[in-house]
């Protein structure tokens, strides 16, 4: 779990500096059935937990985070922490068809 802790620390530090929302993330967040706000994503980056780590991602080291937004709804955020910012790759509401009730475990 130490890798998660190292990545999580970098996400937190980078997210406090700057958050760069990739076009895909903005498209996903603005879908009418999602409407995920940038404040919700910020909260997840600063307080959420890493549930998957993608150290071999072609875009650079990234991870999948779980947190809870407005009305305690679960939200997944895929991000890639850099030295001076965190790139938000996507954000979405996890599907019950793909995720167990804890939203951490794939079916």
Protein backbone atom coordinates (compact mmCIF):
# COMPACT_ATOMS: atom_id res chain seq x y z
CA UNK A 1 0.00 0.00 0.00
CA UNK A 2 2.99 2.35 0.25
CA UNK A 3 2.82 3.06 -3.49
CA UNK A 4 -0.79 4.22 -3.01
CA UNK A 5 0.35 6.46 -0.14
CA UNK A 6 3.15 8.00 -2.22
CA UNK A 7 0.83 8.65 -5.17
CA UNK A 8 -1.91 9.94 -2.88
CA UNK A 9 0.50 12.40 -1.27
CA UNK A 10 1.55 13.65 -4.73
CA UNK A 11 -2.10 13.98 -5.82
CA UNK A 12 -2.92 16.03 -2.73
CA UNK A 13 0.08 18.36 -3.10
CA UNK A 14 -0.45 18.81 -6.85
CA UNK A 15 -4.22 19.35 -6.49
CA UNK A 16 -3.63 22.18 -4.04
CA UNK A 17 -1.46 23.91 -6.64
CA UNK A 18 -3.54 23.51 -9.78
CA UNK A 19 -6.09 21.20 -11.40
CA UNK A 20 -6.04 20.79 -15.18
CA UNK A 21 -9.28 19.31 -16.54
CA UNK A 22 -8.69 17.39 -19.75
CA UNK A 23 -11.35 17.77 -22.50
CA UNK A 24 -12.58 14.20 -21.92
CA UNK A 25 -13.13 14.93 -18.23
CA UNK A 26 -15.13 18.07 -18.99
CA UNK A 27 -17.31 16.18 -21.48
CA UNK A 28 -17.98 13.38 -19.00
CA UNK A 29 -18.62 15.75 -16.10
CA UNK A 30 -21.09 17.87 -18.08
CA UNK A 31 -23.33 15.01 -19.24
CA UNK A 32 -26.88 15.81 -18.06
CA UNK A 33 -27.21 12.60 -16.04
CA UNK A 34 -23.92 13.32 -14.22
CA UNK A 35 -23.36 17.06 -13.81
CA UNK A 36 -20.22 16.65 -11.71
CA UNK A 37 -18.83 19.97 -10.51
CA UNK A 38 -15.20 21.02 -10.39
CA UNK A 39 -15.68 21.53 -6.62
CA UNK A 40 -16.74 17.90 -6.25
CA UNK A 41 -13.65 16.76 -8.16
CA UNK A 42 -11.43 19.01 -6.02
CA UNK A 43 -12.93 17.50 -2.85
CA UNK A 44 -12.24 13.98 -4.13
CA UNK A 45 -8.65 14.84 -5.05
CA UNK A 46 -8.06 16.30 -1.58
CA UNK A 47 -10.03 13.84 0.55
CA UNK A 48 -10.82 10.75 -1.55
CA UNK A 49 -9.01 7.44 -1.67
CA UNK A 50 -7.09 5.68 -4.40
CA UNK A 51 -8.73 2.42 -5.39
CA UNK A 52 -6.60 1.54 -8.44
CA UNK A 53 -3.10 2.56 -9.44
CA UNK A 54 -1.99 2.73 -13.07
CA UNK A 55 1.79 3.06 -12.91
CA UNK A 56 2.22 1.97 -16.55
CA UNK A 57 -0.34 4.38 -18.04
CA UNK A 58 0.79 5.79 -21.41
CA UNK A 59 -0.19 9.29 -20.21
CA UNK A 60 2.09 8.96 -17.20
CA UNK A 61 1.42 7.52 -13.78
CA UNK A 62 -2.28 7.85 -12.97
CA UNK A 63 -4.80 6.49 -10.52
CA UNK A 64 -8.51 5.97 -9.97
CA UNK A 65 -9.92 7.70 -6.92
CA UNK A 66 -13.23 7.28 -5.12
CA UNK A 67 -14.95 10.03 -3.23
CA UNK A 68 -18.40 11.34 -2.54
CA UNK A 69 -19.96 14.47 -3.95
CA UNK A 70 -23.22 16.31 -3.44
CA UNK A 71 -25.90 14.26 -1.69
CA UNK A 72 -23.17 11.73 -0.86
CA UNK A 73 -23.20 10.33 -4.41
CA UNK A 74 -20.15 8.21 -5.31
CA UNK A 75 -17.79 9.68 -7.90
CA UNK A 76 -14.74 8.17 -9.56
CA UNK A 77 -11.93 10.45 -10.72
CA UNK A 78 -9.00 9.31 -12.85
CA UNK A 79 -6.09 11.67 -12.44
CA UNK A 80 -2.40 11.94 -13.18
CA UNK A 81 -0.36 13.91 -10.65
CA UNK A 82 2.48 16.05 -11.95
CA UNK A 83 4.94 18.27 -10.06
CA UNK A 84 2.98 21.51 -10.46
CA UNK A 85 -0.57 20.28 -11.13
CA UNK A 86 -2.83 17.28 -11.30
CA UNK A 87 -4.38 16.36 -14.64
CA UNK A 88 -8.00 15.26 -14.29
CA UNK A 89 -8.42 12.67 -17.04
CA UNK A 90 -12.06 11.78 -16.36
CA UNK A 91 -14.75 11.82 -13.70
CA UNK A 92 -17.91 9.75 -13.64
CA UNK A 93 -20.58 8.14 -11.48
CA UNK A 94 -19.66 4.45 -11.06
CA UNK A 95 -22.22 2.03 -12.49
CA UNK A 96 -23.74 -0.63 -10.26
CA UNK A 97 -23.35 -3.00 -13.22
CA UNK A 98 -19.56 -2.59 -13.14
CA UNK A 99 -18.87 -1.92 -9.46
CA UNK A 100 -19.88 -3.65 -6.24
CA UNK A 101 -21.76 -1.71 -3.56
CA UNK A 102 -18.53 -0.35 -2.05
CA UNK A 103 -17.70 1.32 -5.43
CA UNK A 104 -14.12 0.11 -4.91
CA UNK A 105 -14.37 -3.43 -6.28
CA UNK A 106 -15.08 -4.30 -9.90
CA UNK A 107 -17.71 -6.97 -10.55
